[in-house]
Amino acid sequence: MSYTYATFRTALAEMVVSEETSADFLSILPSAIDYAEQRVYRELDLLSTVVRDATTALVVGSRTQTLPTTTGVFVVVDGAAVVVPAGSSISGGTRAPLTPVSLSVLDTLWPADTVVQGQPVVFAVVDQTTIAVGPSPDASYVVEIVGTQRPAPLSASNTATFLSQYLPDLFLAAAMVFMSGYMRNFGSQADDPKMGASWEGQYQTLKSSAMVEEMRKKFVSSSWSSQPPAPLATPARN
């Protein structure tokens, strides 16, 4: 069953044996949601968090480029491309992918912004909000950034997310790991008498199956396919 904000709030309140309208419960609820969401997003690298943004252009003669924030903040940059010919939009031009390199490689090949200019062919991540390209652009190329962003959290104003709709069991288990600490409850849910450790075990079990499904989406499952691992198929099918 999928969750909305309202149904998730109800389910979590029932799991921790709390009044849904309790001031204490409502005050800790955003923190529980944040813990669960951030943990799942970091550990699963969900395809649903991948974003393409082609809303900015390189500056002539400058190898540095601030990452766009039109669609959100990039947490991880997976790739970049310039659109050719220069001045073309993403819908009217052709992507020319940039090869990722280390910043030291870029500094060695193109140490100055204005000495050598041309169509960029490589990029390096400078910091959380900036990349550098080489060589420095000789024209204003639209740049497309592909990477991971954090979706808006589940809340009263954002009543459904990918996690609440497609991974509700994992989402609830992650929230319960956090809430176990909040409750300071060490009752028994399984053989382990510690509630937090028990919910952590549930979370890890659910995460394993979710990770397989996520790998299938990206065609990096068995034999680089979308098929689930087949333990009895030996050798793996090509």
C-alpha atoms as a PDB file:
ATOM      1  CA  MET A   1       0.000   0.000   0.000  1.00  0.00           C
ATOM      2  CA  SER A   2       1.282   3.438  -0.886  1.00  0.00           C
ATOM      3  CA  TYR A   3       1.220   6.379   1.495  1.00  0.00           C
ATOM      4  CA  THR A   4       0.162   9.972   1.341  1.00  0.00           C
ATOM      5  CA  TYR A   5       1.407  12.398   3.975  1.00  0.00           C
ATOM      6  CA  ALA A   6      -1.785  11.892   5.961  1.00  0.00           C
ATOM      7  CA  THR A   7      -1.754   8.084   5.820  1.00  0.00           C
ATOM      8  CA  PHE A   8       1.981   7.913   6.554  1.00  0.00           C
ATOM      9  CA  ARG A   9       1.501  10.158   9.595  1.00  0.00           C
ATOM     10  CA  THR A  10      -1.294   7.878  10.780  1.00  0.00           C
ATOM     11  CA  ALA A  11       0.714   4.689  10.234  1.00  0.00           C
ATOM     12  CA  LEU A  12       3.785   6.053  12.000  1.00  0.00           C
ATOM     13  CA  ALA A  13       1.704   7.248  14.947  1.00  0.00           C
ATOM     14  CA  GLU A  14       0.155   3.800  15.259  1.00  0.00           C
ATOM     15  CA  MET A  15       3.567   2.115  15.124  1.00  0.00           C
ATOM     16  CA  VAL A  16       4.944   4.260  17.938  1.00  0.00           C
ATOM     17  CA  VAL A  17       1.678   4.084  19.896  1.00  0.00           C
ATOM     18  CA  SER A  18       1.157   7.821  19.912  1.00  0.00           C
ATOM     19  CA  GLU A  19      -1.788  10.120  19.406  1.00  0.00           C
ATOM     20  CA  GLU A  20      -1.581  11.406  15.841  1.00  0.00           C
ATOM     21  CA  THR A  21      -2.396  14.921  17.049  1.00  0.00           C
ATOM     22  CA  SER A  22       0.133  14.844  19.910  1.00  0.00           C
ATOM     23  CA  ALA A  23       2.273  17.967  19.939  1.00  0.00           C
ATOM     24  CA  ASP A  24       5.389  15.900  20.680  1.00  0.00           C
ATOM     25  CA  PHE A  25       4.704  13.513  17.801  1.00  0.00           C
ATOM     26  CA  LEU A  26       3.970  16.305  15.322  1.00  0.00           C
ATOM     27  CA  SER A  27       7.132  18.147  16.314  1.00  0.00           C
ATOM     28  CA  ILE A  28       9.369  15.116  15.685  1.00  0.00           C
ATOM     29  CA  LEU A  29       7.563  13.927  12.523  1.00  0.00           C
ATOM     30  CA  PRO A  30       9.474  16.194  10.065  1.00  0.00           C
ATOM     31  CA  SER A  31      12.777  14.940  11.485  1.00  0.00           C
ATOM     32  CA  ALA A  32      11.685  11.319  11.092  1.00  0.00           C
ATOM     33  CA  ILE A  33      10.687  11.952   7.479  1.00  0.00           C
ATOM     34  CA  ASP A  34      13.951  13.759   6.780  1.00  0.00           C
ATOM     35  CA  TYR A  35      16.018  10.937   8.288  1.00  0.00           C
ATOM     36  CA  ALA A  36      14.164   8.284   6.296  1.00  0.00           C
ATOM     37  CA  GLU A  37      14.286  10.176   3.001  1.00  0.00           C
ATOM     38  CA  GLN A  38      17.919  11.232   3.171  1.00  0.00           C
ATOM     39  CA  ARG A  39      19.071   7.742   4.109  1.00  0.00           C
ATOM     40  CA  VAL A  40      17.168   5.998   1.320  1.00  0.00           C
ATOM     41  CA  TYR A  41      18.202   8.570  -1.290  1.00  0.00           C
ATOM     42  CA  ARG A  42      21.881   8.217  -0.371  1.00  0.00           C
ATOM     43  CA  GLU A  43      21.940   4.436  -0.142  1.00  0.00           C
ATOM     44  CA  LEU A  44      19.852   3.480  -3.184  1.00  0.00           C
ATOM     45  CA  ASP A  45      20.828   6.102  -5.790  1.00  0.00           C
ATOM     46  CA  LEU A  46      17.276   6.067  -7.144  1.00  0.00           C
ATOM     47  CA  LEU A  47      16.663   6.610 -10.831  1.00  0.00           C
ATOM     48  CA  SER A  48      13.763   8.869  -9.886  1.00  0.00           C
ATOM     49  CA  THR A  49      16.213  11.419  -8.440  1.00  0.00           C
ATOM     50  CA  VAL A  50      18.169  11.857 -11.703  1.00  0.00           C
ATOM     51  CA  VAL A  51      17.595  15.251 -13.363  1.00  0.00           C
ATOM     52  CA  ARG A  52      18.698  16.823 -16.661  1.00  0.00           C
ATOM     53  CA  ASP A  53      19.081  20.607 -16.649  1.00  0.00           C
ATOM     54  CA  ALA A  54      20.006  22.604 -19.750  1.00  0.00           C
ATOM     55  CA  THR A  55      18.998  26.078 -18.616  1.00  0.00           C
ATOM     56  CA  THR A  56      22.430  27.749 -18.477  1.00  0.00           C
ATOM     57  CA  ALA A  57      25.195  28.611 -20.933  1.00  0.00           C
ATOM     58  CA  LEU A  58      28.985  28.781 -20.634  1.00  0.00           C
ATOM     59  CA  VAL A  59      30.678  32.164 -20.541  1.00  0.00           C
ATOM     60  CA  VAL A  60      33.161  32.862 -23.332  1.00  0.00           C
ATOM     61  CA  GLY A  61      36.738  32.730 -22.062  1.00  0.00           C
ATOM     62  CA  SER A  62      35.813  31.349 -18.621  1.00  0.00           C
ATOM     63  CA  ARG A  63      36.309  27.698 -17.817  1.00  0.00           C
ATOM     64  CA  THR A  64      34.236  27.760 -14.610  1.00  0.00           C
ATOM     65  CA  GLN A  65      30.493  27.228 -14.583  1.00  0.00           C
ATOM     66  CA  THR A  66      28.088  27.424 -11.660  1.00  0.00           C
ATOM     67  CA  LEU A  67      25.711  24.482 -11.617  1.00  0.00           C
ATOM     68  CA  PRO A  68      22.146  25.459 -12.466  1.00  0.00           C
ATOM     69  CA  THR A  69      19.522  25.514  -9.720  1.00  0.00           C
ATOM     70  CA  THR A  70      16.398  25.878 -11.860  1.00  0.00           C
ATOM     71  CA  THR A  71      15.230  22.349 -11.109  1.00  0.00           C
ATOM     72  CA  GLY A  72      16.920  22.079  -7.712  1.00  0.00           C
ATOM     73  CA  VAL A  73      20.387  21.648  -6.212  1.00  0.00           C
ATOM     74  CA  PHE A  74      22.659  18.982  -7.683  1.00  0.00           C
ATOM     75  CA  VAL A  75      24.000  16.629  -5.033  1.00  0.00           C
ATOM     76  CA  VAL A  76      26.012  14.503  -7.499  1.00  0.00           C
ATOM     77  CA  VAL A  77      26.973  15.373 -11.077  1.00  0.00           C
ATOM     78  CA  ASP A  78      26.870  12.276 -13.279  1.00  0.00           C
ATOM     79  CA  GLY A  79      27.659  13.921 -16.598  1.00  0.00           C
ATOM     80  CA  ALA A  80      27.751  17.066 -18.678  1.00  0.00           C
ATOM     81  CA  ALA A  81      27.455  17.983 -22.342  1.00  0.00           C
ATOM     82  CA  VAL A  82      27.614  21.128 -24.450  1.00  0.00           C
ATOM     83  CA  VAL A  83      25.079  21.771 -27.178  1.00  0.00           C
ATOM     84  CA  VAL A  84      26.510  22.373 -30.652  1.00  0.00           C
ATOM     85  CA  PRO A  85      26.572  24.458 -32.680  1.00  0.00           C
ATOM     86  CA  ALA A  86      27.119  27.238 -30.158  1.00  0.00           C
ATOM     87  CA  GLY A  87      24.002  29.215 -29.401  1.00  0.00           C
ATOM     88  CA  SER A  88      21.680  26.293 -30.105  1.00  0.00           C
ATOM     89  CA  SER A  89      19.057  25.238 -27.602  1.00  0.00           C
ATOM     90  CA  ILE A  90      18.887  21.694 -26.306  1.00  0.00           C
ATOM     91  CA  SER A  91      15.947  21.017 -28.636  1.00  0.00           C
ATOM     92  CA  GLY A  92      17.602  22.533 -31.698  1.00  0.00           C
ATOM     93  CA  GLY A  93      21.197  21.360 -31.353  1.00  0.00           C
ATOM     94  CA  THR A  94      23.264  18.244 -30.767  1.00  0.00           C
ATOM     95  CA  ARG A  95      24.730  17.095 -27.471  1.00  0.00           C
ATOM     96  CA  ALA A  96      28.520  16.827 -27.367  1.00  0.00           C
ATOM     97  CA  PRO A  97      29.283  14.875 -24.178  1.00  0.00           C
ATOM     98  CA  LEU A  98      32.138  16.092 -21.986  1.00  0.00           C
ATOM     99  CA  THR A  99      34.577  13.534 -20.597  1.00  0.00           C
ATOM    100  CA  PRO A 100      34.942  13.699 -16.800  1.00  0.00           C
ATOM    101  CA  VAL A 101      38.523  14.234 -15.607  1.00  0.00           C
ATOM    102  CA  SER A 102      40.172  15.265 -12.377  1.00  0.00           C
ATOM    103  CA  LEU A 103      40.747  18.942 -11.691  1.00  0.00           C
ATOM    104  CA  SER A 104      44.511  18.353 -11.760  1.00  0.00           C
ATOM    105  CA  VAL A 105      44.273  17.039 -15.341  1.00  0.00           C
ATOM    106  CA  LEU A 106      42.321  20.092 -16.407  1.00  0.00           C
ATOM    107  CA  ASP A 107      44.788  22.405 -14.636  1.00  0.00           C
ATOM    108  CA  THR A 108      47.685  20.728 -16.443  1.00  0.00           C
ATOM    109  CA  LEU A 109      46.171  20.836 -19.929  1.00  0.00           C
ATOM    110  CA  TRP A 110      44.463  24.233 -19.703  1.00  0.00           C
ATOM    111  CA  PRO A 111      45.990  26.171 -16.784  1.00  0.00           C
ATOM    112  CA  ALA A 112      44.711  29.566 -17.958  1.00  0.00           C
ATOM    113  CA  ASP A 113      41.220  30.566 -19.028  1.00  0.00           C
ATOM    114  CA  THR A 114      42.051  32.699 -22.050  1.00  0.00           C
ATOM    115  CA  VAL A 115      45.241  31.215 -23.559  1.00  0.00           C
ATOM    116  CA  VAL A 116      43.467  28.410 -25.410  1.00  0.00           C
ATOM    117  CA  GLN A 117      39.806  28.579 -26.313  1.00  0.00           C
ATOM    118  CA  GLY A 118      37.573  26.198 -28.220  1.00  0.00           C
ATOM    119  CA  GLN A 119      34.688  23.803 -27.895  1.00  0.00           C
ATOM    120  CA  PRO A 120      34.987  22.182 -24.438  1.00  0.00           C
ATOM    121  CA  VAL A 121      35.688  18.452 -24.454  1.00  0.00           C
ATOM    122  CA  VAL A 122      36.245  17.653 -20.753  1.00  0.00           C
ATOM    123  CA  PHE A 123      34.906  18.762 -17.388  1.00  0.00           C
ATOM    124  CA  ALA A 124      35.956  18.473 -13.759  1.00  0.00           C
ATOM    125  CA  VAL A 125      34.002  18.982 -10.554  1.00  0.00           C
ATOM    126  CA  VAL A 126      35.471  21.908  -8.606  1.00  0.00           C
ATOM    127  CA  ASP A 127      33.144  21.935  -5.596  1.00  0.00           C
ATOM    128  CA  GLN A 128      29.520  21.282  -4.681  1.00  0.00           C
ATOM    129  CA  THR A 129      28.224  24.103  -6.877  1.00  0.00           C
ATOM    130  CA  THR A 130      30.860  24.537  -9.608  1.00  0.00           C
ATOM    131  CA  ILE A 131      32.388  22.643 -12.513  1.00  0.00           C
ATOM    132  CA  ALA A 132      35.239  23.617 -14.827  1.00  0.00           C
ATOM    133  CA  VAL A 133      35.505  22.805 -18.528  1.00  0.00           C
ATOM    134  CA  GLY A 134      38.448  22.562 -20.877  1.00  0.00           C
ATOM    135  CA  PRO A 135      39.358  24.206 -23.064  1.00  0.00           C
ATOM    136  CA  SER A 136      37.717  27.496 -22.120  1.00  0.00           C
ATOM    137  CA  PRO A 137      34.706  28.050 -24.382  1.00  0.00           C
ATOM    138  CA  ASP A 138      35.160  30.132 -27.512  1.00  0.00           C
ATOM    139  CA  ALA A 139      31.408  30.757 -27.696  1.00  0.00           C
ATOM    140  CA  SER A 140      28.348  30.674 -25.484  1.00  0.00           C
ATOM    141  CA  TYR A 141      27.479  26.979 -25.483  1.00  0.00           C
ATOM    142  CA  VAL A 142      24.374  25.787 -23.676  1.00  0.00           C
ATOM    143  CA  VAL A 143      25.523  23.214 -21.136  1.00  0.00           C
ATOM    144  CA  GLU A 144      23.411  20.276 -20.012  1.00  0.00           C
ATOM    145  CA  ILE A 145      24.076  18.866 -16.547  1.00  0.00           C
ATOM    146  CA  VAL A 146      22.883  15.386 -15.586  1.00  0.00           C
ATOM    147  CA  GLY A 147      22.927  14.384 -11.957  1.00  0.00           C
ATOM    148  CA  THR A 148      21.147  13.570  -8.730  1.00  0.00           C
ATOM    149  CA  GLN A 149      18.950  16.008  -6.862  1.00  0.00           C
ATOM    150  CA  ARG A 150      16.946  15.673  -3.656  1.00  0.00           C
ATOM    151  CA  PRO A 151      13.187  15.661  -4.307  1.00  0.00           C
ATOM    152  CA  ALA A 152      10.895  17.813  -2.203  1.00  0.00           C
ATOM    153  CA  PRO A 153      10.204  16.087   1.140  1.00  0.00           C
ATOM    154  CA  LEU A 154       6.897  14.515   2.071  1.00  0.00           C
ATOM    155  CA  SER A 155       4.820  17.116   3.875  1.00  0.00           C
ATOM    156  CA  ALA A 156       1.342  18.514   4.235  1.00  0.00           C
ATOM    157  CA  SER A 157       1.924  20.605   1.109  1.00  0.00           C
ATOM    158  CA  ASN A 158       3.710  17.823  -0.824  1.00  0.00           C
ATOM    159  CA  THR A 159       1.407  14.932  -0.095  1.00  0.00           C
ATOM    160  CA  ALA A 160       3.094  12.164  -2.135  1.00  0.00           C
ATOM    161  CA  THR A 161       6.656  11.303  -3.151  1.00  0.00           C
ATOM    162  CA  PHE A 162       8.345   8.464  -4.999  1.00  0.00           C
ATOM    163  CA  LEU A 163       9.281   6.867  -1.683  1.00  0.00           C
ATOM    164  CA  SER A 164       5.792   7.077  -0.216  1.00  0.00           C
ATOM    165  CA  GLN A 165       4.221   5.713  -3.401  1.00  0.00           C
ATOM    166  CA  TYR A 166       6.672   3.036  -4.572  1.00  0.00           C
ATOM    167  CA  LEU A 167       8.804   2.143  -1.535  1.00  0.00           C
ATOM    168  CA  PRO A 168       6.367   2.673   1.352  1.00  0.00           C
ATOM    169  CA  ASP A 169       7.589  -0.314   3.369  1.00  0.00           C
ATOM    170  CA  LEU A 170      11.222   0.771   3.194  1.00  0.00           C
ATOM    171  CA  PHE A 171      10.275   4.370   3.936  1.00  0.00           C
ATOM    172  CA  LEU A 172       8.326   3.361   7.049  1.00  0.00           C
ATOM    173  CA  ALA A 173      11.108   1.069   8.269  1.00  0.00           C
ATOM    174  CA  ALA A 174      13.677   3.852   7.919  1.00  0.00           C
ATOM    175  CA  ALA A 175      11.423   6.237   9.834  1.00  0.00           C
ATOM    176  CA  MET A 176      10.982   3.641  12.576  1.00  0.00           C
ATOM    177  CA  VAL A 177      14.752   3.354  13.024  1.00  0.00           C
ATOM    178  CA  PHE A 178      14.740   7.066  13.833  1.00  0.00           C
ATOM    179  CA  MET A 179      11.601   6.900  15.955  1.00  0.00           C
ATOM    180  CA  SER A 180      13.029   4.036  18.021  1.00  0.00           C
ATOM    181  CA  GLY A 181      15.675   6.431  19.284  1.00  0.00           C
ATOM    182  CA  TYR A 182      13.069   9.115  19.883  1.00  0.00           C
ATOM    183  CA  MET A 183      10.940   6.701  21.921  1.00  0.00           C
ATOM    184  CA  ARG A 184      13.896   5.272  23.894  1.00  0.00           C
ATOM    185  CA  ASN A 185      11.940   2.047  23.587  1.00  0.00           C
ATOM    186  CA  PHE A 186      13.892  -1.168  23.861  1.00  0.00           C
ATOM    187  CA  GLY A 187      10.966  -3.568  23.653  1.00  0.00           C
ATOM    188  CA  SER A 188      11.195  -6.745  21.588  1.00  0.00           C
ATOM    189  CA  GLN A 189      10.076  -6.801  17.959  1.00  0.00           C
ATOM    190  CA  ALA A 190      12.145  -9.860  17.034  1.00  0.00           C
ATOM    191  CA  ASP A 191      14.825 -12.009  18.649  1.00  0.00           C
ATOM    192  CA  ASP A 192      16.922  -8.908  19.298  1.00  0.00           C
ATOM    193  CA  PRO A 193      15.474  -7.176  22.379  1.00  0.00           C
ATOM    194  CA  LYS A 194      16.485  -3.760  21.096  1.00  0.00           C
ATOM    195  CA  MET A 195      13.753  -2.108  19.042  1.00  0.00           C
ATOM    196  CA  GLY A 196      16.113   0.100  17.055  1.00  0.00           C
ATOM    197  CA  ALA A 197      18.361  -2.810  16.074  1.00  0.00           C
ATOM    198  CA  SER A 198      15.328  -4.842  15.066  1.00  0.00           C
ATOM    199  CA  TRP A 199      13.980  -2.119  12.795  1.00  0.00           C
ATOM    200  CA  GLU A 200      17.456  -1.630  11.363  1.00  0.00           C
ATOM    201  CA  GLY A 201      17.430  -5.297  10.397  1.00  0.00           C
ATOM    202  CA  GLN A 202      14.043  -4.879   8.734  1.00  0.00           C
ATOM    203  CA  TYR A 203      15.313  -1.840   6.864  1.00  0.00           C
ATOM    204  CA  GLN A 204      18.400  -3.679   5.574  1.00  0.00           C
ATOM    205  CA  THR A 205      16.290  -6.597   4.343  1.00  0.00           C
ATOM    206  CA  LEU A 206      13.892  -4.317   2.490  1.00  0.00           C
ATOM    207  CA  LYS A 207      16.729  -2.229   1.094  1.00  0.00           C
ATOM    208  CA  SER A 208      18.341  -5.284  -0.499  1.00  0.00           C
ATOM    209  CA  SER A 209      15.264  -6.075  -2.575  1.00  0.00           C
ATOM    210  CA  ALA A 210      14.745  -2.416  -3.479  1.00  0.00           C
ATOM    211  CA  MET A 211      18.352  -2.178  -4.634  1.00  0.00           C
ATOM    212  CA  VAL A 212      17.927  -5.162  -6.977  1.00  0.00           C
ATOM    213  CA  GLU A 213      14.881  -3.511  -8.521  1.00  0.00           C
ATOM    214  CA  GLU A 214      16.752  -0.232  -8.915  1.00  0.00           C
ATOM    215  CA  MET A 215      19.641  -2.004 -10.655  1.00  0.00           C
ATOM    216  CA  ARG A 216      17.149  -3.654 -13.015  1.00  0.00           C
ATOM    217  CA  LYS A 217      15.825  -0.230 -14.020  1.00  0.00           C
ATOM    218  CA  LYS A 218      19.331   0.839 -15.046  1.00  0.00           C
ATOM    219  CA  PHE A 219      20.135  -2.398 -16.945  1.00  0.00           C
ATOM    220  CA  VAL A 220      22.968  -3.170 -14.547  1.00  0.00           C
ATOM    221  CA  SER A 221      21.432  -6.338 -13.126  1.00  0.00           C
ATOM    222  CA  SER A 222      22.460  -9.886 -14.160  1.00  0.00           C
ATOM    223  CA  SER A 223      24.542  -9.820 -17.359  1.00  0.00           C
ATOM    224  CA  TRP A 224      23.851  -6.059 -17.664  1.00  0.00           C
ATOM    225  CA  SER A 225      20.175  -6.719 -18.227  1.00  0.00           C
ATOM    226  CA  SER A 226      16.892  -5.691 -16.620  1.00  0.00           C
ATOM    227  CA  GLN A 227      16.310  -9.212 -15.336  1.00  0.00           C
ATOM    228  CA  PRO A 228      16.509 -10.125 -11.648  1.00  0.00           C
ATOM    229  CA  PRO A 229      19.475 -12.239 -10.546  1.00  0.00           C
ATOM    230  CA  ALA A 230      18.878 -15.942 -11.240  1.00  0.00           C
ATOM    231  CA  PRO A 231      20.818 -17.935  -8.612  1.00  0.00           C
ATOM    232  CA  LEU A 232      20.318 -21.225 -10.474  1.00  0.00           C
ATOM    233  CA  ALA A 233      21.417 -19.935 -13.888  1.00  0.00           C
ATOM    234  CA  THR A 234      25.092 -20.760 -14.327  1.00  0.00           C
ATOM    235  CA  PRO A 235      26.874 -19.297 -16.138  1.00  0.00           C
ATOM    236  CA  ALA A 236      25.046 -15.976 -16.356  1.00  0.00           C
ATOM    237  CA  ARG A 237      23.076 -15.462 -19.557  1.00  0.00           C
ATOM    238  CA  ASN A 238      24.521 -12.912 -22.029  1.00  0.00           C
END
